[in-house]
Amino acid sequence: MSLHHLPNPLCFFSEVKRVILPMGAILIRDLLRPKTEEEMNAIVQEVGAEYDEHQTNLFRDSLNAALSLNEVKELIKTAGLEGIKVYQSSDRHWTAEKTMNN
């Protein structure tokens, strides 16, 4: 849940590639950038209903910094990781997972 804070997420995925064992498993989850401003506003309003202005701004900034599913898939491909399933796991999260069976 902190990948969106990294200046170069490819470095993270490259490090995962370096350290994962051939039959190793991974589970990575982070925020998913909303496709539209309206979608972002709805998520911020729903999740941050009790946030103060500062917290609301931080959450909105995090959503703006988040990756899209296509960006995650491209980073994983560029890093040379294989057998990883990437999918939208909630209205505001993506997940990348590899089980020991993959």
PDB file of N, CA and C in Angstrom:
ATOM      1  N   MET A   1       0.816  -1.202   0.000  1.00  0.00           N
ATOM      2  CA  MET A   1       0.000   0.000   0.000  1.00  0.00           C
ATOM      3  C   MET A   1       0.858   1.264   0.000  1.00  0.00           C
ATOM      4  N   SER A   2       2.095   1.158  -0.422  1.00  0.00           N
ATOM      5  CA  SER A   2       2.936   2.360  -0.465  1.00  0.00           C
ATOM      6  C   SER A   2       3.636   2.538  -1.803  1.00  0.00           C
ATOM      7  N   LEU A   3       3.364   1.674  -2.745  1.00  0.00           N
ATOM      8  CA  LEU A   3       4.041   1.754  -4.040  1.00  0.00           C
ATOM      9  C   LEU A   3       3.818   3.102  -4.717  1.00  0.00           C
ATOM     10  N   HIS A   4       2.659   3.680  -4.544  1.00  0.00           N
ATOM     11  CA  HIS A   4       2.360   4.969  -5.181  1.00  0.00           C
ATOM     12  C   HIS A   4       3.215   6.109  -4.633  1.00  0.00           C
ATOM     13  N   HIS A   5       3.941   5.873  -3.546  1.00  0.00           N
ATOM     14  CA  HIS A   5       4.832   6.885  -2.989  1.00  0.00           C
ATOM     15  C   HIS A   5       6.244   6.814  -3.576  1.00  0.00           C
ATOM     16  N   LEU A   6       6.549   5.762  -4.307  1.00  0.00           N
ATOM     17  CA  LEU A   6       7.899   5.595  -4.849  1.00  0.00           C
ATOM     18  C   LEU A   6       8.090   6.422  -6.118  1.00  0.00           C
ATOM     19  N   PRO A   7       9.242   7.090  -6.253  1.00  0.00           N
ATOM     20  CA  PRO A   7       9.475   7.895  -7.458  1.00  0.00           C
ATOM     21  C   PRO A   7       9.654   7.040  -8.713  1.00  0.00           C
ATOM     22  N   ASN A   8      10.136   5.795  -8.555  1.00  0.00           N
ATOM     23  CA  ASN A   8      10.334   4.906  -9.700  1.00  0.00           C
ATOM     24  C   ASN A   8       9.894   3.493  -9.323  1.00  0.00           C
ATOM     25  N   PRO A   9       8.628   3.159  -9.537  1.00  0.00           N
ATOM     26  CA  PRO A   9       8.143   1.839  -9.131  1.00  0.00           C
ATOM     27  C   PRO A   9       8.816   0.683  -9.868  1.00  0.00           C
ATOM     28  N   LEU A  10       9.428   0.955 -11.018  1.00  0.00           N
ATOM     29  CA  LEU A  10      10.129  -0.117 -11.728  1.00  0.00           C
ATOM     30  C   LEU A  10      11.262  -0.680 -10.870  1.00  0.00           C
ATOM     31  N   CYS A  11      11.911   0.159 -10.100  1.00  0.00           N
ATOM     32  CA  CYS A  11      12.978  -0.322  -9.202  1.00  0.00           C
ATOM     33  C   CYS A  11      12.426  -1.345  -8.212  1.00  0.00           C
ATOM     34  N   PHE A  12      11.239  -1.098  -7.702  1.00  0.00           N
ATOM     35  CA  PHE A  12      10.599  -2.035  -6.769  1.00  0.00           C
ATOM     36  C   PHE A  12      10.355  -3.378  -7.449  1.00  0.00           C
ATOM     37  N   PHE A  13       9.731  -3.341  -8.635  1.00  0.00           N
ATOM     38  CA  PHE A  13       9.427  -4.595  -9.322  1.00  0.00           C
ATOM     39  C   PHE A  13      10.695  -5.322  -9.754  1.00  0.00           C
ATOM     40  N   SER A  14      11.731  -4.587 -10.110  1.00  0.00           N
ATOM     41  CA  SER A  14      13.012  -5.211 -10.460  1.00  0.00           C
ATOM     42  C   SER A  14      13.621  -5.909  -9.249  1.00  0.00           C
ATOM     43  N   GLU A  15      13.466  -5.305  -8.085  1.00  0.00           N
ATOM     44  CA  GLU A  15      13.966  -5.931  -6.862  1.00  0.00           C
ATOM     45  C   GLU A  15      13.149  -7.177  -6.515  1.00  0.00           C
ATOM     46  N   VAL A  16      11.845  -7.130  -6.726  1.00  0.00           N
ATOM     47  CA  VAL A  16      11.022  -8.331  -6.528  1.00  0.00           C
ATOM     48  C   VAL A  16      11.529  -9.440  -7.443  1.00  0.00           C
ATOM     49  N   LYS A  17      11.802  -9.120  -8.690  1.00  0.00           N
ATOM     50  CA  LYS A  17      12.317 -10.102  -9.656  1.00  0.00           C
ATOM     51  C   LYS A  17      13.642 -10.682  -9.159  1.00  0.00           C
ATOM     52  N   ARG A  18      14.492  -9.842  -8.601  1.00  0.00           N
ATOM     53  CA  ARG A  18      15.808 -10.290  -8.146  1.00  0.00           C
ATOM     54  C   ARG A  18      15.719 -11.267  -6.974  1.00  0.00           C
ATOM     55  N   VAL A  19      14.789 -11.024  -6.049  1.00  0.00           N
ATOM     56  CA  VAL A  19      14.782 -11.805  -4.809  1.00  0.00           C
ATOM     57  C   VAL A  19      13.775 -12.958  -4.790  1.00  0.00           C
ATOM     58  N   ILE A  20      12.814 -12.962  -5.694  1.00  0.00           N
ATOM     59  CA  ILE A  20      11.792 -14.018  -5.633  1.00  0.00           C
ATOM     60  C   ILE A  20      12.382 -15.358  -6.087  1.00  0.00           C
ATOM     61  N   LEU A  21      12.075 -16.379  -5.344  1.00  0.00           N
ATOM     62  CA  LEU A  21      12.512 -17.726  -5.708  1.00  0.00           C
ATOM     63  C   LEU A  21      11.658 -18.238  -6.863  1.00  0.00           C
ATOM     64  N   PRO A  22      12.173 -19.198  -7.634  1.00  0.00           N
ATOM     65  CA  PRO A  22      11.411 -19.699  -8.788  1.00  0.00           C
ATOM     66  C   PRO A  22       9.987 -20.150  -8.443  1.00  0.00           C
ATOM     67  N   MET A  23       9.804 -20.753  -7.309  1.00  0.00           N
ATOM     68  CA  MET A  23       8.461 -21.183  -6.903  1.00  0.00           C
ATOM     69  C   MET A  23       7.892 -20.257  -5.827  1.00  0.00           C
ATOM     70  N   GLY A  24       8.468 -19.069  -5.695  1.00  0.00           N
ATOM     71  CA  GLY A  24       8.041 -18.117  -4.673  1.00  0.00           C
ATOM     72  C   GLY A  24       6.682 -17.509  -4.987  1.00  0.00           C
ATOM     73  N   ALA A  25       6.049 -17.003  -3.960  1.00  0.00           N
ATOM     74  CA  ALA A  25       4.736 -16.367  -4.085  1.00  0.00           C
ATOM     75  C   ALA A  25       4.858 -14.900  -3.688  1.00  0.00           C
ATOM     76  N   ILE A  26       4.009 -14.067  -4.271  1.00  0.00           N
ATOM     77  CA  ILE A  26       3.968 -12.665  -3.885  1.00  0.00           C
ATOM     78  C   ILE A  26       2.511 -12.201  -3.799  1.00  0.00           C
ATOM     79  N   LEU A  27       2.299 -11.170  -3.011  1.00  0.00           N
ATOM     80  CA  LEU A  27       1.005 -10.497  -2.946  1.00  0.00           C
ATOM     81  C   LEU A  27       1.307  -9.015  -2.740  1.00  0.00           C
ATOM     82  N   ILE A  28       0.952  -8.220  -3.725  1.00  0.00           N
ATOM     83  CA  ILE A  28       1.187  -6.784  -3.677  1.00  0.00           C
ATOM     84  C   ILE A  28      -0.159  -6.107  -3.904  1.00  0.00           C
ATOM     85  N   ARG A  29      -0.459  -5.129  -3.076  1.00  0.00           N
ATOM     86  CA  ARG A  29      -1.717  -4.387  -3.229  1.00  0.00           C
ATOM     87  C   ARG A  29      -1.429  -2.903  -3.019  1.00  0.00           C
ATOM     88  N   ASP A  30      -2.068  -2.074  -3.818  1.00  0.00           N
ATOM     89  CA  ASP A  30      -1.904  -0.631  -3.672  1.00  0.00           C
ATOM     90  C   ASP A  30      -3.147   0.065  -4.207  1.00  0.00           C
ATOM     91  N   LEU A  31      -3.146   1.378  -4.062  1.00  0.00           N
ATOM     92  CA  LEU A  31      -4.259   2.167  -4.579  1.00  0.00           C
ATOM     93  C   LEU A  31      -4.281   2.128  -6.103  1.00  0.00           C
ATOM     94  N   LEU A  32      -5.471   2.205  -6.648  1.00  0.00           N
ATOM     95  CA  LEU A  32      -5.706   2.243  -8.088  1.00  0.00           C
ATOM     96  C   LEU A  32      -6.158   3.648  -8.455  1.00  0.00           C
ATOM     97  N   ARG A  33      -5.486   4.252  -9.430  1.00  0.00           N
ATOM     98  CA  ARG A  33      -5.880   5.601  -9.841  1.00  0.00           C
ATOM     99  C   ARG A  33      -7.247   5.552 -10.507  1.00  0.00           C
ATOM    100  N   PRO A  34      -8.198   6.332 -10.029  1.00  0.00           N
ATOM    101  CA  PRO A  34      -9.526   6.361 -10.649  1.00  0.00           C
ATOM    102  C   PRO A  34      -9.426   6.832 -12.105  1.00  0.00           C
ATOM    103  N   LYS A  35     -10.350   6.341 -12.922  1.00  0.00           N
ATOM    104  CA  LYS A  35     -10.333   6.671 -14.350  1.00  0.00           C
ATOM    105  C   LYS A  35     -10.839   8.072 -14.637  1.00  0.00           C
ATOM    106  N   THR A  36     -11.711   8.587 -13.766  1.00  0.00           N
ATOM    107  CA  THR A  36     -12.289   9.912 -13.999  1.00  0.00           C
ATOM    108  C   THR A  36     -12.257  10.730 -12.714  1.00  0.00           C
ATOM    109  N   GLU A  37     -12.408  12.024 -12.875  1.00  0.00           N
ATOM    110  CA  GLU A  37     -12.486  12.932 -11.728  1.00  0.00           C
ATOM    111  C   GLU A  37     -13.731  12.631 -10.895  1.00  0.00           C
ATOM    112  N   GLU A  38     -14.827  12.293 -11.570  1.00  0.00           N
ATOM    113  CA  GLU A  38     -16.061  11.969 -10.858  1.00  0.00           C
ATOM    114  C   GLU A  38     -15.883  10.723  -9.988  1.00  0.00           C
ATOM    115  N   GLU A  39     -15.212   9.722 -10.538  1.00  0.00           N
ATOM    116  CA  GLU A  39     -14.946   8.495  -9.784  1.00  0.00           C
ATOM    117  C   GLU A  39     -14.057   8.810  -8.574  1.00  0.00           C
ATOM    118  N   MET A  40     -13.049   9.647  -8.776  1.00  0.00           N
ATOM    119  CA  MET A  40     -12.163  10.030  -7.674  1.00  0.00           C
ATOM    120  C   MET A  40     -12.938  10.766  -6.591  1.00  0.00           C
ATOM    121  N   ASN A  41     -13.773  11.708  -6.985  1.00  0.00           N
ATOM    122  CA  ASN A  41     -14.558  12.461  -6.010  1.00  0.00           C
ATOM    123  C   ASN A  41     -15.462  11.548  -5.196  1.00  0.00           C
ATOM    124  N   ALA A  42     -16.056  10.564  -5.846  1.00  0.00           N
ATOM    125  CA  ALA A  42     -16.944   9.628  -5.138  1.00  0.00           C
ATOM    126  C   ALA A  42     -16.166   8.802  -4.117  1.00  0.00           C
ATOM    127  N   ILE A  43     -14.978   8.339  -4.507  1.00  0.00           N
ATOM    128  CA  ILE A  43     -14.160   7.548  -3.584  1.00  0.00           C
ATOM    129  C   ILE A  43     -13.710   8.403  -2.410  1.00  0.00           C
ATOM    130  N   VAL A  44     -13.237   9.600  -2.689  1.00  0.00           N
ATOM    131  CA  VAL A  44     -12.777  10.491  -1.616  1.00  0.00           C
ATOM    132  C   VAL A  44     -13.921  10.807  -0.662  1.00  0.00           C
ATOM    133  N   GLN A  45     -15.094  11.070  -1.207  1.00  0.00           N
ATOM    134  CA  GLN A  45     -16.243  11.390  -0.362  1.00  0.00           C
ATOM    135  C   GLN A  45     -16.656  10.184   0.487  1.00  0.00           C
ATOM    136  N   GLU A  46     -16.672   9.000  -0.117  1.00  0.00           N
ATOM    137  CA  GLU A  46     -17.084   7.797   0.613  1.00  0.00           C
ATOM    138  C   GLU A  46     -16.068   7.404   1.683  1.00  0.00           C
ATOM    139  N   VAL A  47     -14.815   7.315   1.300  1.00  0.00           N
ATOM    140  CA  VAL A  47     -13.779   6.840   2.216  1.00  0.00           C
ATOM    141  C   VAL A  47     -13.425   7.902   3.247  1.00  0.00           C
ATOM    142  N   GLY A  48     -13.365   9.151   2.785  1.00  0.00           N
ATOM    143  CA  GLY A  48     -12.896  10.211   3.660  1.00  0.00           C
ATOM    144  C   GLY A  48     -13.983  11.053   4.288  1.00  0.00           C
ATOM    145  N   ALA A  49     -15.140  10.491   4.485  1.00  0.00           N
ATOM    146  CA  ALA A  49     -16.262  11.261   5.033  1.00  0.00           C
ATOM    147  C   ALA A  49     -15.916  11.925   6.364  1.00  0.00           C
ATOM    148  N   GLU A  50     -15.061  11.290   7.158  1.00  0.00           N
ATOM    149  CA  GLU A  50     -14.708  11.840   8.464  1.00  0.00           C
ATOM    150  C   GLU A  50     -13.319  12.467   8.473  1.00  0.00           C
ATOM    151  N   TYR A  51     -12.678  12.569   7.309  1.00  0.00           N
ATOM    152  CA  TYR A  51     -11.347  13.177   7.234  1.00  0.00           C
ATOM    153  C   TYR A  51     -11.446  14.687   7.373  1.00  0.00           C
ATOM    154  N   ASP A  52     -10.406  15.291   7.943  1.00  0.00           N
ATOM    155  CA  ASP A  52     -10.330  16.744   7.902  1.00  0.00           C
ATOM    156  C   ASP A  52      -9.776  17.149   6.525  1.00  0.00           C
ATOM    157  N   GLU A  53      -9.670  18.437   6.279  1.00  0.00           N
ATOM    158  CA  GLU A  53      -9.261  18.916   4.950  1.00  0.00           C
ATOM    159  C   GLU A  53      -7.868  18.405   4.566  1.00  0.00           C
ATOM    160  N   HIS A  54      -6.963  18.413   5.513  1.00  0.00           N
ATOM    161  CA  HIS A  54      -5.595  17.945   5.250  1.00  0.00           C
ATOM    162  C   HIS A  54      -5.587  16.465   4.869  1.00  0.00           C
ATOM    163  N   GLN A  55      -6.287  15.647   5.624  1.00  0.00           N
ATOM    164  CA  GLN A  55      -6.352  14.218   5.330  1.00  0.00           C
ATOM    165  C   GLN A  55      -7.014  13.956   3.977  1.00  0.00           C
ATOM    166  N   THR A  56      -8.054  14.709   3.678  1.00  0.00           N
ATOM    167  CA  THR A  56      -8.739  14.575   2.394  1.00  0.00           C
ATOM    168  C   THR A  56      -7.790  14.894   1.254  1.00  0.00           C
ATOM    169  N   ASN A  57      -7.016  15.959   1.390  1.00  0.00           N
ATOM    170  CA  ASN A  57      -6.058  16.329   0.349  1.00  0.00           C
ATOM    171  C   ASN A  57      -4.978  15.269   0.178  1.00  0.00           C
ATOM    172  N   LEU A  58      -4.497  14.715   1.289  1.00  0.00           N
ATOM    173  CA  LEU A  58      -3.491  13.652   1.212  1.00  0.00           C
ATOM    174  C   LEU A  58      -4.045  12.416   0.505  1.00  0.00           C
ATOM    175  N   PHE A  59      -5.275  12.049   0.818  1.00  0.00           N
ATOM    176  CA  PHE A  59      -5.890  10.888   0.183  1.00  0.00           C
ATOM    177  C   PHE A  59      -6.073  11.134  -1.310  1.00  0.00           C
ATOM    178  N   ARG A  60      -6.548  12.315  -1.679  1.00  0.00           N
ATOM    179  CA  ARG A  60      -6.723  12.649  -3.093  1.00  0.00           C
ATOM    180  C   ARG A  60      -5.371  12.624  -3.811  1.00  0.00           C
ATOM    181  N   ASP A  61      -4.334  13.157  -3.178  1.00  0.00           N
ATOM    182  CA  ASP A  61      -2.993  13.127  -3.769  1.00  0.00           C
ATOM    183  C   ASP A  61      -2.514  11.689  -3.975  1.00  0.00           C
ATOM    184  N   SER A  62      -2.808  10.828  -3.012  1.00  0.00           N
ATOM    185  CA  SER A  62      -2.417   9.423  -3.145  1.00  0.00           C
ATOM    186  C   SER A  62      -3.151   8.752  -4.305  1.00  0.00           C
ATOM    187  N   LEU A  63      -4.428   9.031  -4.450  1.00  0.00           N
ATOM    188  CA  LEU A  63      -5.175   8.476  -5.579  1.00  0.00           C
ATOM    189  C   LEU A  63      -4.620   8.988  -6.903  1.00  0.00           C
ATOM    190  N   ASN A  64      -4.252  10.251  -6.957  1.00  0.00           N
ATOM    191  CA  ASN A  64      -3.669  10.815  -8.174  1.00  0.00           C
ATOM    192  C   ASN A  64      -2.315  10.192  -8.486  1.00  0.00           C
ATOM    193  N   ALA A  65      -1.549   9.842  -7.455  1.00  0.00           N
ATOM    194  CA  ALA A  65      -0.226   9.252  -7.646  1.00  0.00           C
ATOM    195  C   ALA A  65      -0.287   7.754  -7.941  1.00  0.00           C
ATOM    196  N   ALA A  66      -1.431   7.149  -7.706  1.00  0.00           N
ATOM    197  CA  ALA A  66      -1.568   5.702  -7.891  1.00  0.00           C
ATOM    198  C   ALA A  66      -1.408   5.317  -9.362  1.00  0.00           C
ATOM    199  N   LEU A  67      -1.136   4.048  -9.575  1.00  0.00           N
ATOM    200  CA  LEU A  67      -0.965   3.506 -10.920  1.00  0.00           C
ATOM    201  C   LEU A  67      -2.278   2.957 -11.456  1.00  0.00           C
ATOM    202  N   SER A  68      -2.384   2.905 -12.772  1.00  0.00           N
ATOM    203  CA  SER A  68      -3.503   2.215 -13.421  1.00  0.00           C
ATOM    204  C   SER A  68      -3.149   0.733 -13.551  1.00  0.00           C
ATOM    205  N   LEU A  69      -4.132  -0.094 -13.836  1.00  0.00           N
ATOM    206  CA  LEU A  69      -3.861  -1.514 -14.045  1.00  0.00           C
ATOM    207  C   LEU A  69      -2.881  -1.720 -15.190  1.00  0.00           C
ATOM    208  N   ASN A  70      -3.060  -0.988 -16.283  1.00  0.00           N
ATOM    209  CA  ASN A  70      -2.154  -1.132 -17.425  1.00  0.00           C
ATOM    210  C   ASN A  70      -0.728  -0.740 -17.060  1.00  0.00           C
ATOM    211  N   GLU A  71      -0.570   0.302 -16.255  1.00  0.00           N
ATOM    212  CA  GLU A  71       0.776   0.701 -15.821  1.00  0.00           C
ATOM    213  C   GLU A  71       1.419  -0.381 -14.964  1.00  0.00           C
ATOM    214  N   VAL A  72       0.661  -0.980 -14.070  1.00  0.00           N
ATOM    215  CA  VAL A  72       1.187  -2.056 -13.234  1.00  0.00           C
ATOM    216  C   VAL A  72       1.607  -3.234 -14.113  1.00  0.00           C
ATOM    217  N   LYS A  73       0.752  -3.620 -15.036  1.00  0.00           N
ATOM    218  CA  LYS A  73       1.073  -4.742 -15.930  1.00  0.00           C
ATOM    219  C   LYS A  73       2.329  -4.468 -16.747  1.00  0.00           C
ATOM    220  N   GLU A  74       2.477  -3.250 -17.227  1.00  0.00           N
ATOM    221  CA  GLU A  74       3.655  -2.894 -18.014  1.00  0.00           C
ATOM    222  C   GLU A  74       4.921  -2.912 -17.161  1.00  0.00           C
ATOM    223  N   LEU A  75       4.844  -2.406 -15.936  1.00  0.00           N
ATOM    224  CA  LEU A  75       6.000  -2.433 -15.041  1.00  0.00           C
ATOM    225  C   LEU A  75       6.424  -3.874 -14.732  1.00  0.00           C
ATOM    226  N   ILE A  76       5.451  -4.735 -14.484  1.00  0.00           N
ATOM    227  CA  ILE A  76       5.740  -6.139 -14.193  1.00  0.00           C
ATOM    228  C   ILE A  76       6.387  -6.805 -15.396  1.00  0.00           C
ATOM    229  N   LYS A  77       5.879  -6.529 -16.567  1.00  0.00           N
ATOM    230  CA  LYS A  77       6.448  -7.075 -17.799  1.00  0.00           C
ATOM    231  C   LYS A  77       7.867  -6.560 -18.015  1.00  0.00           C
ATOM    232  N   THR A  78       8.065  -5.265 -17.856  1.00  0.00           N
ATOM    233  CA  THR A  78       9.384  -4.662 -18.046  1.00  0.00           C
ATOM    234  C   THR A  78      10.401  -5.222 -17.057  1.00  0.00           C
ATOM    235  N   ALA A  79       9.966  -5.498 -15.844  1.00  0.00           N
ATOM    236  CA  ALA A  79      10.854  -6.061 -14.824  1.00  0.00           C
ATOM    237  C   ALA A  79      11.180  -7.533 -15.089  1.00  0.00           C
ATOM    238  N   GLY A  80      10.453  -8.148 -16.000  1.00  0.00           N
ATOM    239  CA  GLY A  80      10.711  -9.550 -16.329  1.00  0.00           C
ATOM    240  C   GLY A  80      10.040 -10.544 -15.406  1.00  0.00           C
ATOM    241  N   LEU A  81       9.052 -10.084 -14.658  1.00  0.00           N
ATOM    242  CA  LEU A  81       8.307 -10.989 -13.779  1.00  0.00           C
ATOM    243  C   LEU A  81       7.268 -11.747 -14.602  1.00  0.00           C
ATOM    244  N   GLU A  82       7.110 -13.021 -14.295  1.00  0.00           N
ATOM    245  CA  GLU A  82       6.168 -13.854 -15.044  1.00  0.00           C
ATOM    246  C   GLU A  82       5.221 -14.577 -14.100  1.00  0.00           C
ATOM    247  N   GLY A  83       4.067 -14.943 -14.624  1.00  0.00           N
ATOM    248  CA  GLY A  83       3.098 -15.718 -13.859  1.00  0.00           C
ATOM    249  C   GLY A  83       2.381 -14.921 -12.793  1.00  0.00           C
ATOM    250  N   ILE A  84       2.317 -13.605 -12.964  1.00  0.00           N
ATOM    251  CA  ILE A  84       1.676 -12.751 -11.972  1.00  0.00           C
ATOM    252  C   ILE A  84       0.318 -12.298 -12.481  1.00  0.00           C
ATOM    253  N   LYS A  85      -0.687 -12.519 -11.682  1.00  0.00           N
ATOM    254  CA  LYS A  85      -2.051 -12.093 -12.001  1.00  0.00           C
ATOM    255  C   LYS A  85      -2.246 -10.691 -11.434  1.00  0.00           C
ATOM    256  N   VAL A  86      -2.660  -9.750 -12.276  1.00  0.00           N
ATOM    257  CA  VAL A  86      -2.920  -8.366 -11.861  1.00  0.00           C
ATOM    258  C   VAL A  86      -4.392  -8.087 -12.102  1.00  0.00           C
ATOM    259  N   TYR A  87      -5.077  -7.583 -11.070  1.00  0.00           N
ATOM    260  CA  TYR A  87      -6.509  -7.331 -11.210  1.00  0.00           C
ATOM    261  C   TYR A  87      -6.954  -6.240 -10.243  1.00  0.00           C
ATOM    262  N   GLN A  88      -8.097  -5.651 -10.546  1.00  0.00           N
ATOM    263  CA  GLN A  88      -8.710  -4.678  -9.650  1.00  0.00           C
ATOM    264  C   GLN A  88      -9.397  -5.458  -8.546  1.00  0.00           C
ATOM    265  N   SER A  89      -8.970  -5.219  -7.301  1.00  0.00           N
ATOM    266  CA  SER A  89      -9.473  -6.007  -6.185  1.00  0.00           C
ATOM    267  C   SER A  89     -10.501  -5.275  -5.319  1.00  0.00           C
ATOM    268  N   SER A  90     -10.713  -3.986  -5.572  1.00  0.00           N
ATOM    269  CA  SER A  90     -11.783  -3.231  -4.924  1.00  0.00           C
ATOM    270  C   SER A  90     -12.025  -1.985  -5.766  1.00  0.00           C
ATOM    271  N   ASP A  91     -12.899  -1.123  -5.294  1.00  0.00           N
ATOM    272  CA  ASP A  91     -13.150   0.104  -6.057  1.00  0.00           C
ATOM    273  C   ASP A  91     -11.945   1.022  -6.085  1.00  0.00           C
ATOM    274  N   ARG A  92     -10.965   0.793  -5.212  1.00  0.00           N
ATOM    275  CA  ARG A  92      -9.808   1.683  -5.153  1.00  0.00           C
ATOM    276  C   ARG A  92      -8.467   0.969  -5.007  1.00  0.00           C
ATOM    277  N   HIS A  93      -8.411  -0.317  -5.269  1.00  0.00           N
ATOM    278  CA  HIS A  93      -7.167  -1.070  -5.133  1.00  0.00           C
ATOM    279  C   HIS A  93      -6.925  -1.991  -6.331  1.00  0.00           C
ATOM    280  N   TRP A  94      -5.645  -2.215  -6.609  1.00  0.00           N
ATOM    281  CA  TRP A  94      -5.240  -3.284  -7.522  1.00  0.00           C
ATOM    282  C   TRP A  94      -4.421  -4.279  -6.707  1.00  0.00           C
ATOM    283  N   THR A  95      -4.364  -5.496  -7.202  1.00  0.00           N
ATOM    284  CA  THR A  95      -3.594  -6.553  -6.555  1.00  0.00           C
ATOM    285  C   THR A  95      -2.783  -7.272  -7.615  1.00  0.00           C
ATOM    286  N   ALA A  96      -1.558  -7.611  -7.262  1.00  0.00           N
ATOM    287  CA  ALA A  96      -0.703  -8.460  -8.090  1.00  0.00           C
ATOM    288  C   ALA A  96      -0.338  -9.651  -7.237  1.00  0.00           C
ATOM    289  N   GLU A  97      -0.592 -10.844  -7.761  1.00  0.00           N
ATOM    290  CA  GLU A  97      -0.296 -12.026  -6.963  1.00  0.00           C
ATOM    291  C   GLU A  97       0.275 -13.143  -7.825  1.00  0.00           C
ATOM    292  N   LYS A  98       1.133 -13.891  -7.179  1.00  0.00           N
ATOM    293  CA  LYS A  98       1.700 -15.086  -7.777  1.00  0.00           C
ATOM    294  C   LYS A  98       1.692 -16.141  -6.693  1.00  0.00           C
ATOM    295  N   THR A  99       1.028 -17.245  -6.974  1.00  0.00           N
ATOM    296  CA  THR A  99       0.995 -18.325  -5.998  1.00  0.00           C
ATOM    297  C   THR A  99       2.170 -19.250  -6.231  1.00  0.00           C
ATOM    298  N   MET A 100       2.425 -20.100  -5.293  1.00  0.00           N
ATOM    299  CA  MET A 100       3.542 -21.038  -5.416  1.00  0.00           C
ATOM    300  C   MET A 100       3.311 -22.026  -6.547  1.00  0.00           C
ATOM    301  N   ASN A 101       2.064 -22.139  -7.015  1.00  0.00           N
ATOM    302  CA  ASN A 101       1.761 -23.083  -8.093  1.00  0.00           C
ATOM    303  C   ASN A 101       2.049 -22.507  -9.479  1.00  0.00           C
ATOM    304  N   ASN A 102       2.236 -21.181  -9.559  1.00  0.00           N
ATOM    305  CA  ASN A 102       2.481 -20.547 -10.869  1.00  0.00           C
ATOM    306  C   ASN A 102       3.922 -20.694 -11.278  1.00  0.00           C
TER     307      ASN A 102
END
